[in-house]
Amino acid sequence: SVKGRFTVSRDNPKNTVYLQMNSLKPADTAVYYC
């Protein structure tokens, strides 16, 4: 459902993982957890 729209990446020196979400749809409405 998110292929082509979302991108996950990580930055180890910053101890952080990201989720870039593009072309968002109302169906994407939710609580997001890592």
All heavy atoms as atom14 arrays in JSON, in Angstrom:
{
  "sequence": "SVKGRFTVSRDNPKNTVYLQMNSLKPADTAVYYC",
  "atom14_mask": [
    [1, 1, 1, 1, 1, 1, 0, 0, 0, 0, 0, 0, 0, 0],
    [1, 1, 1, 1, 1, 1, 1, 0, 0, 0, 0, 0, 0, 0],
    [1, 1, 1, 1, 1, 1, 1, 1, 1, 0, 0, 0, 0, 0],
    [1, 1, 1, 1, 0, 0, 0, 0, 0, 0, 0, 0, 0, 0],
    [1, 1, 1, 1, 1, 1, 1, 1, 1, 1, 1, 0, 0, 0],
    [1, 1, 1, 1, 1, 1, 1, 1, 1, 1, 1, 0, 0, 0],
    [1, 1, 1, 1, 1, 1, 1, 0, 0, 0, 0, 0, 0, 0],
    [1, 1, 1, 1, 1, 1, 1, 0, 0, 0, 0, 0, 0, 0],
    [1, 1, 1, 1, 1, 1, 0, 0, 0, 0, 0, 0, 0, 0],
    [1, 1, 1, 1, 1, 1, 1, 1, 1, 1, 1, 0, 0, 0],
    [1, 1, 1, 1, 1, 1, 1, 1, 0, 0, 0, 0, 0, 0],
    [1, 1, 1, 1, 1, 1, 1, 1, 0, 0, 0, 0, 0, 0],
    [1, 1, 1, 1, 1, 1, 1, 0, 0, 0, 0, 0, 0, 0],
    [1, 1, 1, 1, 1, 1, 1, 1, 1, 0, 0, 0, 0, 0],
    [1, 1, 1, 1, 1, 1, 1, 1, 0, 0, 0, 0, 0, 0],
    [1, 1, 1, 1, 1, 1, 1, 0, 0, 0, 0, 0, 0, 0],
    [1, 1, 1, 1, 1, 1, 1, 0, 0, 0, 0, 0, 0, 0],
    [1, 1, 1, 1, 1, 1, 1, 1, 1, 1, 1, 1, 0, 0],
    [1, 1, 1, 1, 1, 1, 1, 1, 0, 0, 0, 0, 0, 0],
    [1, 1, 1, 1, 1, 1, 1, 1, 1, 0, 0, 0, 0, 0],
    [1, 1, 1, 1, 1, 1, 1, 1, 0, 0, 0, 0, 0, 0],
    [1, 1, 1, 1, 1, 1, 1, 1, 0, 0, 0, 0, 0, 0],
    [1, 1, 1, 1, 1, 1, 0, 0, 0, 0, 0, 0, 0, 0],
    [1, 1, 1, 1, 1, 1, 1, 1, 0, 0, 0, 0, 0, 0],
    [1, 1, 1, 1, 1, 1, 1, 1, 1, 0, 0, 0, 0, 0],
    [1, 1, 1, 1, 1, 1, 1, 0, 0, 0, 0, 0, 0, 0],
    [1, 1, 1, 1, 1, 0, 0, 0, 0, 0, 0, 0, 0, 0],
    [1, 1, 1, 1, 1, 1, 1, 1, 0, 0, 0, 0, 0, 0],
    [1, 1, 1, 1, 1, 1, 1, 0, 0, 0, 0, 0, 0, 0],
    [1, 1, 1, 1, 1, 0, 0, 0, 0, 0, 0, 0, 0, 0],
    [1, 1, 1, 1, 1, 1, 1, 0, 0, 0, 0, 0, 0, 0],
    [1, 1, 1, 1, 1, 1, 1, 1, 1, 1, 1, 1, 0, 0],
    [1, 1, 1, 1, 1, 1, 1, 1, 1, 1, 1, 1, 0, 0],
    [1, 1, 1, 1, 1, 1, 0, 0, 0, 0, 0, 0, 0, 0]
  ],
  "atom14_positions": [
    [[0.79, -1.22, 0.0], [0.0, 0.0, 0.0], [0.83, 1.28, 0.0], [0.3, 2.35, -0.3], [-0.94, 0.01, 1.21], [-0.21, -0.06, 2.42], [0.0, 0.0, 0.0], [0.0, 0.0, 0.0], [0.0, 0.0, 0.0], [0.0, 0.0, 0.0], [0.0, 0.0, 0.0], [0.0, 0.0, 0.0], [0.0, 0.0, 0.0], [0.0, 0.0, 0.0]],
    [[2.12, 1.17, 0.34], [2.96, 2.37, 0.41], [4.13, 2.34, -0.55], [4.87, 3.34, -0.64], [3.48, 2.6, 1.85], [2.33, 2.63, 2.84], [4.5, 1.54, 2.24], [0.0, 0.0, 0.0], [0.0, 0.0, 0.0], [0.0, 0.0, 0.0], [0.0, 0.0, 0.0], [0.0, 0.0, 0.0], [0.0, 0.0, 0.0], [0.0, 0.0, 0.0]],
    [[4.33, 1.27, -1.26], [5.44, 1.17, -2.2], [5.38, 2.3, -3.23], [4.33, 2.6, -3.78], [5.44, -0.17, -2.92], [5.99, -1.32, -2.1], [6.05, -2.59, -2.92], [6.67, -3.73, -2.12], [6.72, -4.98, -2.9], [0.0, 0.0, 0.0], [0.0, 0.0, 0.0], [0.0, 0.0, 0.0], [0.0, 0.0, 0.0], [0.0, 0.0, 0.0]],
    [[6.53, 2.91, -3.47], [6.61, 4.0, -4.41], [6.3, 5.35, -3.81], [6.53, 6.38, -4.45], [0.0, 0.0, 0.0], [0.0, 0.0, 0.0], [0.0, 0.0, 0.0], [0.0, 0.0, 0.0], [0.0, 0.0, 0.0], [0.0, 0.0, 0.0], [0.0, 0.0, 0.0], [0.0, 0.0, 0.0], [0.0, 0.0, 0.0], [0.0, 0.0, 0.0]],
    [[5.76, 5.36, -2.59], [5.4, 6.62, -1.93], [6.22, 6.87, -0.67], [6.55, 8.02, -0.37], [3.92, 6.64, -1.57], [2.99, 6.5, -2.77], [1.54, 6.73, -2.37], [1.07, 5.73, -1.42], [0.62, 6.01, -0.2], [0.57, 7.28, 0.22], [0.2, 5.04, 0.6], [0.0, 0.0, 0.0], [0.0, 0.0, 0.0], [0.0, 0.0, 0.0]],
    [[6.54, 5.81, 0.06], [7.28, 5.93, 1.31], [8.7, 5.43, 1.14], [8.95, 4.5, 0.36], [6.62, 5.11, 2.42], [5.29, 5.63, 2.9], [4.61, 6.64, 2.23], [4.7, 5.09, 4.03], [3.39, 7.11, 2.67], [3.48, 5.54, 4.48], [2.82, 6.55, 3.81], [0.0, 0.0, 0.0], [0.0, 0.0, 0.0], [0.0, 0.0, 0.0]],
    [[9.63, 6.02, 1.89], [11.02, 5.6, 1.88], [11.54, 5.55, 3.31], [11.44, 6.54, 4.04], [11.9, 6.54, 1.05], [11.4, 6.62, -0.29], [13.33, 6.02, 1.02], [0.0, 0.0, 0.0], [0.0, 0.0, 0.0], [0.0, 0.0, 0.0], [0.0, 0.0, 0.0], [0.0, 0.0, 0.0], [0.0, 0.0, 0.0], [0.0, 0.0, 0.0]],
    [[12.1, 4.42, 3.7], [12.69, 4.28, 5.02], [14.21, 4.38, 4.9], [14.8, 3.85, 3.94], [12.26, 2.95, 5.68], [12.75, 1.74, 4.89], [12.76, 2.89, 7.12], [0.0, 0.0, 0.0], [0.0, 0.0, 0.0], [0.0, 0.0, 0.0], [0.0, 0.0, 0.0], [0.0, 0.0, 0.0], [0.0, 0.0, 0.0], [0.0, 0.0, 0.0]],
    [[14.83, 5.06, 5.83], [16.28, 5.21, 5.82], [16.78, 5.3, 7.25], [15.99, 5.49, 8.18], [16.71, 6.44, 5.02], [16.18, 7.62, 5.59], [0.0, 0.0, 0.0], [0.0, 0.0, 0.0], [0.0, 0.0, 0.0], [0.0, 0.0, 0.0], [0.0, 0.0, 0.0], [0.0, 0.0, 0.0], [0.0, 0.0, 0.0], [0.0, 0.0, 0.0]],
    [[18.08, 5.18, 7.42], [18.65, 5.27, 8.77], [19.93, 6.07, 8.75], [20.67, 6.1, 7.76], [18.9, 3.87, 9.35], [19.94, 3.04, 8.62], [19.96, 1.61, 9.15], [20.34, 1.56, 10.55], [20.08, 0.56, 11.37], [19.4, -0.49, 10.91], [20.47, 0.59, 12.63], [0.0, 0.0, 0.0], [0.0, 0.0, 0.0], [0.0, 0.0, 0.0]],
    [[20.2, 6.73, 9.87], [21.41, 7.51, 10.06], [22.02, 7.02, 11.36], [21.63, 7.45, 12.45], [21.1, 9.0, 10.13], [22.34, 9.86, 10.13], [23.42, 9.38, 10.51], [22.23, 11.04, 9.74], [0.0, 0.0, 0.0], [0.0, 0.0, 0.0], [0.0, 0.0, 0.0], [0.0, 0.0, 0.0], [0.0, 0.0, 0.0], [0.0, 0.0, 0.0]],
    [[22.97, 6.11, 11.26], [23.52, 5.47, 12.45], [24.23, 6.45, 13.4], [24.07, 6.34, 14.62], [24.46, 4.33, 12.06], [23.72, 3.19, 11.4], [22.52, 3.01, 11.61], [24.43, 2.41, 10.6], [0.0, 0.0, 0.0], [0.0, 0.0, 0.0], [0.0, 0.0, 0.0], [0.0, 0.0, 0.0], [0.0, 0.0, 0.0], [0.0, 0.0, 0.0]],
    [[25.04, 7.39, 12.89], [25.67, 8.34, 13.82], [24.67, 9.15, 14.63], [25.0, 9.61, 15.72], [26.5, 9.23, 12.9], [26.81, 8.38, 11.72], [25.57, 7.55, 11.52], [0.0, 0.0, 0.0], [0.0, 0.0, 0.0], [0.0, 0.0, 0.0], [0.0, 0.0, 0.0], [0.0, 0.0, 0.0], [0.0, 0.0, 0.0], [0.0, 0.0, 0.0]],
    [[23.46, 9.34, 14.09], [22.42, 10.08, 14.8], [21.45, 9.19, 15.54], [20.5, 9.68, 16.16], [21.66, 10.96, 13.82], [22.5, 12.07, 13.2], [21.65, 12.94, 12.28], [22.48, 14.06, 11.69], [21.69, 14.92, 10.78], [0.0, 0.0, 0.0], [0.0, 0.0, 0.0], [0.0, 0.0, 0.0], [0.0, 0.0, 0.0], [0.0, 0.0, 0.0]],
    [[21.65, 7.88, 15.48], [20.75, 6.92, 16.14], [19.29, 7.17, 15.75], [18.39, 7.15, 16.6], [20.9, 7.0, 17.66], [22.04, 6.15, 18.18], [23.03, 5.91, 17.5], [21.9, 5.69, 19.43], [0.0, 0.0, 0.0], [0.0, 0.0, 0.0], [0.0, 0.0, 0.0], [0.0, 0.0, 0.0], [0.0, 0.0, 0.0], [0.0, 0.0, 0.0]],
    [[19.06, 7.38, 14.47], [17.74, 7.76, 14.01], [17.35, 6.99, 12.76], [18.17, 6.78, 11.87], [17.68, 9.27, 13.72], [18.02, 9.99, 14.92], [16.29, 9.69, 13.28], [0.0, 0.0, 0.0], [0.0, 0.0, 0.0], [0.0, 0.0, 0.0], [0.0, 0.0, 0.0], [0.0, 0.0, 0.0], [0.0, 0.0, 0.0], [0.0, 0.0, 0.0]],
    [[16.08, 6.6, 12.71], [15.49, 6.02, 11.51], [14.4, 6.96, 11.04], [13.69, 7.57, 11.85], [14.95, 4.6, 11.77], [13.86, 4.61, 12.84], [14.42, 3.98, 10.48], [0.0, 0.0, 0.0], [0.0, 0.0, 0.0], [0.0, 0.0, 0.0], [0.0, 0.0, 0.0], [0.0, 0.0, 0.0], [0.0, 0.0, 0.0], [0.0, 0.0, 0.0]],
    [[14.26, 7.09, 9.72], [13.31, 8.01, 9.14], [12.29, 7.27, 8.28], [12.56, 6.19, 7.75], [14.01, 9.03, 8.26], [15.07, 9.85, 8.96], [16.41, 9.49, 8.89], [14.73, 10.97, 9.7], [17.38, 10.23, 9.53], [15.69, 11.72, 10.34], [17.02, 11.35, 10.25], [17.98, 12.09, 10.89], [0.0, 0.0, 0.0], [0.0, 0.0, 0.0]],
    [[11.14, 7.89, 8.12], [10.15, 7.43, 7.17], [9.69, 8.65, 6.39], [8.94, 9.48, 6.92], [8.97, 6.74, 7.85], [7.93, 6.16, 6.89], [8.52, 4.98, 6.12], [6.68, 5.72, 7.65], [0.0, 0.0, 0.0], [0.0, 0.0, 0.0], [0.0, 0.0, 0.0], [0.0, 0.0, 0.0], [0.0, 0.0, 0.0], [0.0, 0.0, 0.0]],
    [[10.15, 8.76, 5.16], [9.71, 9.83, 4.28], [8.43, 9.4, 3.6], [8.41, 8.38, 2.92], [10.79, 10.15, 3.24], [10.39, 11.23, 2.24], [10.23, 12.59, 2.89], [11.08, 13.02, 3.65], [9.12, 13.25, 2.6], [0.0, 0.0, 0.0], [0.0, 0.0, 0.0], [0.0, 0.0, 0.0], [0.0, 0.0, 0.0], [0.0, 0.0, 0.0]],
    [[7.37, 10.16, 3.78], [6.07, 9.81, 3.25], [5.65, 10.88, 2.24], [5.46, 12.04, 2.6], [5.03, 9.7, 4.37], [5.43, 8.74, 5.47], [4.13, 8.51, 6.72], [4.09, 10.16, 7.42], [0.0, 0.0, 0.0], [0.0, 0.0, 0.0], [0.0, 0.0, 0.0], [0.0, 0.0, 0.0], [0.0, 0.0, 0.0], [0.0, 0.0, 0.0]],
    [[5.5, 10.47, 1.0], [5.08, 11.36, -0.08], [3.74, 10.92, -0.63], [3.31, 9.78, -0.43], [6.12, 11.38, -1.19], [7.47, 11.88, -0.74], [7.57, 12.76, 0.1], [8.53, 11.33, -1.33], [0.0, 0.0, 0.0], [0.0, 0.0, 0.0], [0.0, 0.0, 0.0], [0.0, 0.0, 0.0], [0.0, 0.0, 0.0], [0.0, 0.0, 0.0]],
    [[3.1, 11.81, -1.35], [1.8, 11.51, -1.97], [0.84, 10.89, -0.98], [0.2, 9.88, -1.25], [2.01, 10.59, -3.18], [2.86, 11.18, -4.14], [0.0, 0.0, 0.0], [0.0, 0.0, 0.0], [0.0, 0.0, 0.0], [0.0, 0.0, 0.0], [0.0, 0.0, 0.0], [0.0, 0.0, 0.0], [0.0, 0.0, 0.0], [0.0, 0.0, 0.0]],
    [[0.72, 11.51, 0.16], [-0.1, 10.95, 1.23], [-1.58, 10.92, 0.86], [-2.08, 11.81, 0.17], [0.1, 11.75, 2.51], [1.41, 11.45, 3.25], [1.74, 12.56, 4.23], [1.29, 10.1, 3.96], [0.0, 0.0, 0.0], [0.0, 0.0, 0.0], [0.0, 0.0, 0.0], [0.0, 0.0, 0.0], [0.0, 0.0, 0.0], [0.0, 0.0, 0.0]],
    [[-2.24, 9.89, 1.34], [-3.65, 9.67, 1.09], [-4.4, 9.65, 2.42], [-3.82, 9.35, 3.46], [-3.88, 8.32, 0.39], [-3.08, 8.12, -0.88], [-3.26, 6.71, -1.39], [-2.45, 6.48, -2.65], [-2.61, 5.08, -3.15], [0.0, 0.0, 0.0], [0.0, 0.0, 0.0], [0.0, 0.0, 0.0], [0.0, 0.0, 0.0], [0.0, 0.0, 0.0]],
    [[-5.7, 9.93, 2.41], [-6.47, 9.81, 3.65], [-6.36, 8.43, 4.29], [-6.4, 8.32, 5.52], [-7.91, 10.09, 3.19], [-7.74, 11.03, 2.04], [-6.5, 10.53, 1.32], [0.0, 0.0, 0.0], [0.0, 0.0, 0.0], [0.0, 0.0, 0.0], [0.0, 0.0, 0.0], [0.0, 0.0, 0.0], [0.0, 0.0, 0.0], [0.0, 0.0, 0.0]],
    [[-6.19, 7.39, 3.48], [-6.04, 6.05, 4.01], [-4.76, 5.86, 4.8], [-4.62, 4.87, 5.53], [-6.09, 5.03, 2.87], [0.0, 0.0, 0.0], [0.0, 0.0, 0.0], [0.0, 0.0, 0.0], [0.0, 0.0, 0.0], [0.0, 0.0, 0.0], [0.0, 0.0, 0.0], [0.0, 0.0, 0.0], [0.0, 0.0, 0.0], [0.0, 0.0, 0.0]],
    [[-3.82, 6.79, 4.69], [-2.59, 6.72, 5.47], [-2.78, 7.25, 6.88], [-1.85, 7.16, 7.69], [-1.48, 7.52, 4.78], [-1.09, 6.94, 3.43], [-0.99, 5.71, 3.32], [-0.89, 7.74, 2.49], [0.0, 0.0, 0.0], [0.0, 0.0, 0.0], [0.0, 0.0, 0.0], [0.0, 0.0, 0.0], [0.0, 0.0, 0.0], [0.0, 0.0, 0.0]],
    [[-3.92, 7.81, 7.18], [-4.19, 8.33, 8.51], [-4.11, 7.22, 9.55], [-4.81, 6.21, 9.45], [-5.57, 9.0, 8.56], [-5.59, 10.15, 7.7], [-5.91, 9.45, 9.98], [0.0, 0.0, 0.0], [0.0, 0.0, 0.0], [0.0, 0.0, 0.0], [0.0, 0.0, 0.0], [0.0, 0.0, 0.0], [0.0, 0.0, 0.0], [0.0, 0.0, 0.0]],
    [[-3.26, 7.4, 10.53], [-3.03, 6.38, 11.55], [-2.03, 6.9, 12.57], [-1.41, 7.95, 12.37], [-2.51, 5.09, 10.92], [0.0, 0.0, 0.0], [0.0, 0.0, 0.0], [0.0, 0.0, 0.0], [0.0, 0.0, 0.0], [0.0, 0.0, 0.0], [0.0, 0.0, 0.0], [0.0, 0.0, 0.0], [0.0, 0.0, 0.0], [0.0, 0.0, 0.0]],
    [[-1.89, 6.16, 13.65], [-0.78, 6.37, 14.56], [0.38, 5.53, 14.05], [0.22, 4.33, 13.84], [-1.13, 5.99, 16.01], [0.08, 6.14, 16.91], [-2.27, 6.85, 16.51], [0.0, 0.0, 0.0], [0.0, 0.0, 0.0], [0.0, 0.0, 0.0], [0.0, 0.0, 0.0], [0.0, 0.0, 0.0], [0.0, 0.0, 0.0], [0.0, 0.0, 0.0]],
    [[1.52, 6.14, 13.86], [2.69, 5.46, 13.34], [3.67, 5.16, 14.47], [3.98, 6.03, 15.27], [3.38, 6.31, 12.27], [2.65, 6.29, 10.95], [1.43, 6.93, 10.79], [3.18, 5.61, 9.85], [0.74, 6.89, 9.59], [2.51, 5.57, 8.65], [1.29, 6.21, 8.52], [0.62, 6.16, 7.32], [0.0, 0.0, 0.0], [0.0, 0.0, 0.0]],
    [[4.13, 3.92, 14.5], [5.05, 3.45, 15.53], [6.34, 2.96, 14.89], [6.31, 2.32, 13.85], [4.44, 2.28, 16.31], [3.14, 2.59, 17.02], [1.93, 2.45, 16.37], [3.14, 2.99, 18.35], [0.73, 2.72, 17.01], [1.95, 3.26, 19.0], [0.75, 3.12, 18.33], [-0.42, 3.38, 18.98], [0.0, 0.0, 0.0], [0.0, 0.0, 0.0]],
    [[7.45, 3.23, 15.54], [8.69, 2.6, 15.12], [9.0, 1.45, 16.05], [8.57, 1.41, 17.2], [9.86, 3.6, 15.06], [10.37, 4.29, 16.65], [0.0, 0.0, 0.0], [0.0, 0.0, 0.0], [0.0, 0.0, 0.0], [0.0, 0.0, 0.0], [0.0, 0.0, 0.0], [0.0, 0.0, 0.0], [0.0, 0.0, 0.0], [0.0, 0.0, 0.0]]
  ]
}
